[in-house]
Amino acid sequence: MDSGLVIGLVVLLVGFGAAWLVSLALRDASVVDPLWGPAFAVVAWVYALTGEAPPARRWAVVGMVTLWGVRLGVHLWLRNHGVGEDFRYRAMRARAPRAFPWVSLVTVFWLQAAIAWMVSVPLWGALRPARPTSLTALDLAGLAVFAVGLTIETVADLQLARFRRDPSRRGTVLDGGLWRYSRHPNYFGDAVVWWGLWLPAAAVGAWWTAVGPALMTFLLVRVSGVALLEKTLARTKPQYREYVRRTSAFVPWPPRRG
């Protein structure tokens, strides 16, 4: 295996392991959530330092990942600060209180490290080779796709945060702005970001690294994103069924009428 990939995996395992120690001290496994985005920025820098990419591609890829990762980390930290441990981790802790520290290390912290490593393979693919020495059309397309995805994700997160701060909207469904066209526009934007980050890897021939954004998209739609939230919202908000009927689940689309 390439030494850069090995170093990236080790850095992620050590970093998430350190976060696990903090979670034990705080008795709050939710500390892992704001680290998800910044972890990709760290591993991008690792690949930039161990690879041979020319300066233009190096700064383009590292700059995109750092911008996305820091924004997401700050957003999740602000969202989670002061609200206590996430219900997912509380449920895990309740099922196995004595074993939870070790269970959380493997199934929460190191699992996220492993997933981040797999998702980040396009970053390694883009930053490893020395040629081409200048940005290509695919690189520029990646920058454009990334910008679209980041804009969608950021605007959707801001709209949702404003909605949650309004006490008059408690118990209702956010169905305005981008949320009129998708039930999860923030997750859609996140997926678009990663397909944009894949294009610089494709530009240097690393097409196979599409497994990274494909895995991210699968997780967002089928595992930790859309699928998980849909179950909770359908139970807690009576209006959500009607919202589901008229609104696209993921890809923004004009709402159904009638």
Protein backbone atom coordinates (compact mmCIF):
# COMPACT_ATOMS: atom_id res chain seq x y z
CA MET A 1 0.00 0.00 0.00
CA ASP A 2 1.18 3.54 -0.76
CA SER A 3 2.94 5.13 2.21
CA GLY A 4 0.78 8.26 1.96
CA LEU A 5 -2.38 6.19 2.40
CA VAL A 6 -0.87 4.37 5.37
CA ILE A 7 0.16 7.63 7.04
CA GLY A 8 -3.30 9.06 6.41
CA LEU A 9 -4.97 6.07 8.07
CA VAL A 10 -2.63 6.21 11.06
CA VAL A 11 -3.21 9.95 11.53
CA LEU A 12 -6.99 9.44 11.44
CA LEU A 13 -6.92 6.53 13.89
CA VAL A 14 -4.69 8.45 16.31
CA GLY A 15 -6.75 11.62 16.00
CA PHE A 16 -10.09 9.93 16.56
CA GLY A 17 -8.51 7.87 19.34
CA ALA A 18 -7.49 11.08 21.11
CA ALA A 19 -11.04 12.38 20.70
CA TRP A 20 -12.26 9.13 22.29
CA LEU A 21 -10.16 9.84 25.38
CA VAL A 22 -11.75 13.29 25.60
CA SER A 23 -15.21 11.72 25.28
CA LEU A 24 -14.46 9.43 28.24
CA ALA A 25 -13.50 12.41 30.38
CA LEU A 26 -16.63 14.33 29.38
CA ARG A 27 -18.92 11.28 29.25
CA ASP A 28 -20.13 12.58 25.90
CA ALA A 29 -19.42 10.69 22.67
CA SER A 30 -20.93 13.56 20.67
CA VAL A 31 -17.51 15.22 20.66
CA VAL A 32 -16.83 13.07 17.59
CA ASP A 33 -19.41 14.81 15.39
CA PRO A 34 -17.70 18.21 14.89
CA LEU A 35 -14.45 16.39 14.06
CA TRP A 36 -15.85 14.74 10.93
CA GLY A 37 -15.22 17.66 8.56
CA PRO A 38 -11.86 18.81 9.99
CA ALA A 39 -10.60 15.20 9.82
CA PHE A 40 -10.74 15.40 6.03
CA ALA A 41 -8.83 18.66 6.05
CA VAL A 42 -6.09 17.04 8.14
CA VAL A 43 -5.82 14.00 5.88
CA ALA A 44 -5.77 16.25 2.80
CA TRP A 45 -2.73 18.04 4.22
CA VAL A 46 -1.11 14.65 4.89
CA TYR A 47 -1.62 13.63 1.27
CA ALA A 48 -0.38 17.00 0.05
CA LEU A 49 2.84 16.64 2.06
CA THR A 50 3.45 13.03 1.03
CA GLY A 51 2.39 13.41 -2.62
CA GLU A 52 4.01 15.10 -5.58
CA ALA A 53 1.14 17.23 -6.92
CA PRO A 54 2.17 20.55 -8.48
CA PRO A 55 1.36 23.67 -6.44
CA ALA A 56 -1.76 24.62 -8.41
CA ARG A 57 -3.50 21.28 -7.84
CA ARG A 58 -2.18 20.95 -4.31
CA TRP A 59 -3.57 24.29 -3.19
CA ALA A 60 -6.81 23.85 -5.09
CA VAL A 61 -7.60 20.46 -3.53
CA VAL A 62 -6.34 21.25 -0.03
CA GLY A 63 -8.08 24.63 -0.10
CA MET A 64 -11.43 23.12 -1.07
CA VAL A 65 -11.29 20.38 1.58
CA THR A 66 -10.12 22.74 4.31
CA LEU A 67 -12.90 25.24 3.54
CA TRP A 68 -15.55 22.52 3.55
CA GLY A 69 -14.17 20.75 6.62
CA VAL A 70 -13.76 23.81 8.82
CA ARG A 71 -17.20 25.16 7.91
CA LEU A 72 -18.86 21.83 8.69
CA GLY A 73 -16.92 21.44 11.93
CA VAL A 74 -17.90 24.90 13.17
CA HIS A 75 -21.51 24.35 12.14
CA LEU A 76 -21.77 21.04 14.02
CA TRP A 77 -20.00 22.42 17.08
CA LEU A 78 -22.41 25.37 17.28
CA ARG A 79 -25.38 23.06 16.74
CA ASN A 80 -24.32 20.55 19.42
CA HIS A 81 -22.80 22.89 22.02
CA GLY A 82 -24.64 22.75 25.31
CA VAL A 83 -27.33 20.25 24.25
CA GLY A 84 -25.80 17.12 25.76
CA GLU A 85 -24.98 13.76 24.24
CA ASP A 86 -26.73 12.81 21.00
CA PHE A 87 -29.61 10.34 21.38
CA ARG A 88 -27.78 7.75 19.25
CA TYR A 89 -24.89 7.56 21.69
CA ARG A 90 -27.19 7.69 24.73
CA ALA A 91 -29.02 4.65 23.38
CA MET A 92 -25.73 2.79 22.86
CA ARG A 93 -24.61 3.71 26.36
CA ALA A 94 -27.89 2.49 27.86
CA ARG A 95 -27.67 -0.88 26.08
CA ALA A 96 -24.17 -1.65 27.38
CA PRO A 97 -23.13 0.86 30.07
CA ARG A 98 -20.04 -1.05 31.27
CA ALA A 99 -18.77 -1.95 27.81
CA PHE A 100 -19.67 1.37 26.20
CA PRO A 101 -16.18 2.95 26.40
CA TRP A 102 -14.62 0.18 24.29
CA VAL A 103 -17.68 -0.23 22.11
CA SER A 104 -17.65 3.49 21.34
CA LEU A 105 -13.94 3.42 20.48
CA VAL A 106 -14.48 0.76 17.82
CA THR A 107 -17.99 1.46 16.50
CA VAL A 108 -18.05 5.27 16.78
CA PHE A 109 -14.56 6.77 16.77
CA TRP A 110 -12.42 4.27 14.84
CA LEU A 111 -15.29 3.41 12.51
CA GLN A 112 -15.56 7.08 11.55
CA ALA A 113 -11.79 7.20 11.08
CA ALA A 114 -11.96 4.21 8.72
CA ILE A 115 -14.88 5.66 6.77
CA ALA A 116 -13.16 9.04 6.47
CA TRP A 117 -10.06 7.27 5.15
CA MET A 118 -12.07 5.43 2.49
CA VAL A 119 -14.07 8.49 1.47
CA SER A 120 -10.88 10.55 1.19
CA VAL A 121 -9.23 8.36 -1.47
CA PRO A 122 -9.95 10.95 -4.22
CA LEU A 123 -7.80 13.42 -2.27
CA TRP A 124 -4.91 10.96 -2.29
CA GLY A 125 -5.54 10.23 -5.99
CA ALA A 126 -5.45 13.91 -6.89
CA LEU A 127 -2.41 14.82 -4.78
CA ARG A 128 -0.13 11.83 -5.46
CA PRO A 129 1.11 12.33 -9.08
CA ALA A 130 3.38 15.12 -10.27
CA ARG A 131 1.65 15.52 -13.64
CA PRO A 132 -0.04 17.28 -15.25
CA THR A 133 1.75 20.34 -13.98
CA SER A 134 -1.19 22.73 -14.49
CA LEU A 135 -4.91 22.57 -13.80
CA THR A 136 -7.01 20.82 -16.45
CA ALA A 137 -10.60 21.30 -17.55
CA LEU A 138 -11.65 18.53 -15.13
CA ASP A 139 -9.88 20.30 -12.27
CA LEU A 140 -11.77 23.50 -13.06
CA ALA A 141 -15.03 21.54 -13.35
CA GLY A 142 -14.30 20.09 -9.92
CA LEU A 143 -13.89 23.58 -8.48
CA ALA A 144 -17.23 24.61 -9.99
CA VAL A 145 -19.10 21.51 -8.79
CA PHE A 146 -17.56 21.88 -5.34
CA ALA A 147 -18.66 25.54 -5.16
CA VAL A 148 -22.24 24.60 -6.08
CA GLY A 149 -22.34 21.84 -3.48
CA LEU A 150 -20.82 23.96 -0.73
CA THR A 151 -23.26 26.79 -1.44
CA ILE A 152 -26.26 24.45 -1.28
CA GLU A 153 -25.04 22.79 1.91
CA THR A 154 -24.24 26.09 3.63
CA VAL A 155 -27.49 27.83 2.70
CA ALA A 156 -29.55 24.78 3.73
CA ASP A 157 -27.77 24.59 7.10
CA LEU A 158 -28.34 28.31 7.72
CA GLN A 159 -32.02 28.01 6.83
CA LEU A 160 -32.43 25.04 9.17
CA ALA A 161 -30.59 26.79 12.01
CA ARG A 162 -32.82 29.86 11.67
CA PHE A 163 -35.92 27.63 11.63
CA ARG A 164 -34.87 25.85 14.82
CA ARG A 165 -34.26 29.13 16.63
CA ASP A 166 -37.84 30.30 15.99
CA PRO A 167 -40.02 29.09 18.90
CA SER A 168 -43.20 29.70 16.87
CA ARG A 169 -42.12 26.97 14.42
CA ARG A 170 -41.62 24.29 17.07
CA GLY A 171 -43.29 21.03 16.05
CA THR A 172 -43.73 22.17 12.45
CA VAL A 173 -41.90 21.21 9.26
CA LEU A 174 -39.39 23.39 7.43
CA ASP A 175 -40.74 23.55 3.88
CA GLY A 176 -39.39 26.87 2.62
CA GLY A 177 -36.21 27.94 0.86
CA LEU A 178 -34.15 25.02 -0.40
CA TRP A 179 -36.22 22.74 1.83
CA ARG A 180 -39.20 23.31 -0.47
CA TYR A 181 -37.40 21.36 -3.19
CA SER A 182 -35.63 18.66 -1.15
CA ARG A 183 -36.26 17.13 2.26
CA HIS A 184 -32.50 17.03 2.82
CA PRO A 185 -30.79 19.71 0.70
CA ASN A 186 -27.86 19.91 3.14
CA TYR A 187 -27.03 16.25 2.53
CA PHE A 188 -27.47 16.69 -1.21
CA GLY A 189 -25.02 19.60 -1.15
CA ASP A 190 -22.58 17.46 0.84
CA ALA A 191 -22.71 14.72 -1.80
CA VAL A 192 -22.16 17.26 -4.59
CA VAL A 193 -19.12 18.60 -2.73
CA TRP A 194 -17.52 15.16 -2.77
CA TRP A 195 -18.23 14.51 -6.43
CA GLY A 196 -16.57 17.86 -7.08
CA LEU A 197 -13.54 16.78 -5.04
CA TRP A 198 -13.34 13.59 -7.06
CA LEU A 199 -12.94 15.38 -10.40
CA PRO A 200 -9.31 16.48 -9.75
CA ALA A 201 -8.50 12.81 -9.10
CA ALA A 202 -10.22 11.86 -12.35
CA ALA A 203 -8.17 14.56 -14.07
CA VAL A 204 -4.97 12.63 -13.28
CA GLY A 205 -6.43 9.26 -14.23
CA ALA A 206 -7.54 8.05 -10.80
CA TRP A 207 -11.09 7.34 -11.94
CA TRP A 208 -11.42 4.40 -9.56
CA THR A 209 -11.39 6.78 -6.58
CA ALA A 210 -15.06 7.42 -7.37
CA VAL A 211 -15.58 4.83 -4.62
CA GLY A 212 -15.03 7.72 -2.18
CA PRO A 213 -17.91 9.99 -3.20
CA ALA A 214 -20.05 6.93 -3.98
CA LEU A 215 -19.58 5.73 -0.39
CA MET A 216 -20.30 9.20 0.98
CA THR A 217 -23.49 9.45 -1.08
CA PHE A 218 -24.61 5.99 0.04
CA LEU A 219 -24.03 6.88 3.69
CA LEU A 220 -25.91 10.16 3.35
CA VAL A 221 -28.92 8.55 1.67
CA ARG A 222 -29.13 5.07 3.19
CA VAL A 223 -27.32 5.02 6.53
CA SER A 224 -26.57 8.05 8.70
CA GLY A 225 -28.40 10.83 6.88
CA VAL A 226 -31.73 10.66 5.11
CA ALA A 227 -32.79 7.18 6.26
CA LEU A 228 -32.03 7.84 9.94
CA LEU A 229 -33.74 11.22 10.08
CA GLU A 230 -36.81 10.16 8.13
CA LYS A 231 -37.73 7.56 10.77
CA THR A 232 -37.46 10.09 13.60
CA LEU A 233 -39.27 12.93 11.85
CA ALA A 234 -42.15 10.72 10.71
CA ARG A 235 -42.78 9.80 14.37
CA THR A 236 -42.40 13.25 15.91
CA LYS A 237 -44.01 15.57 13.36
CA PRO A 238 -47.55 14.81 12.12
CA GLN A 239 -47.14 17.16 9.12
CA TYR A 240 -44.11 15.29 7.87
CA ARG A 241 -46.04 12.65 5.94
CA GLU A 242 -47.65 15.32 3.76
CA TYR A 243 -44.25 16.95 3.32
CA VAL A 244 -42.85 13.59 2.20
CA ARG A 245 -45.66 13.14 -0.29
CA ARG A 246 -44.94 16.39 -2.13
CA THR A 247 -41.17 16.86 -1.67
CA SER A 248 -38.20 15.07 -3.21
CA ALA A 249 -36.18 13.12 -0.66
CA PHE A 250 -32.69 14.10 -1.85
CA VAL A 251 -32.21 15.69 -5.28
CA PRO A 252 -33.89 19.15 -5.36
CA TRP A 253 -36.98 19.06 -7.54
CA PRO A 254 -40.18 21.14 -7.87
CA PRO A 255 -42.75 19.92 -5.29
CA ARG A 256 -45.65 17.76 -6.39
CA ARG A 257 -49.03 19.41 -6.63
CA GLY A 258 -52.40 18.09 -5.54
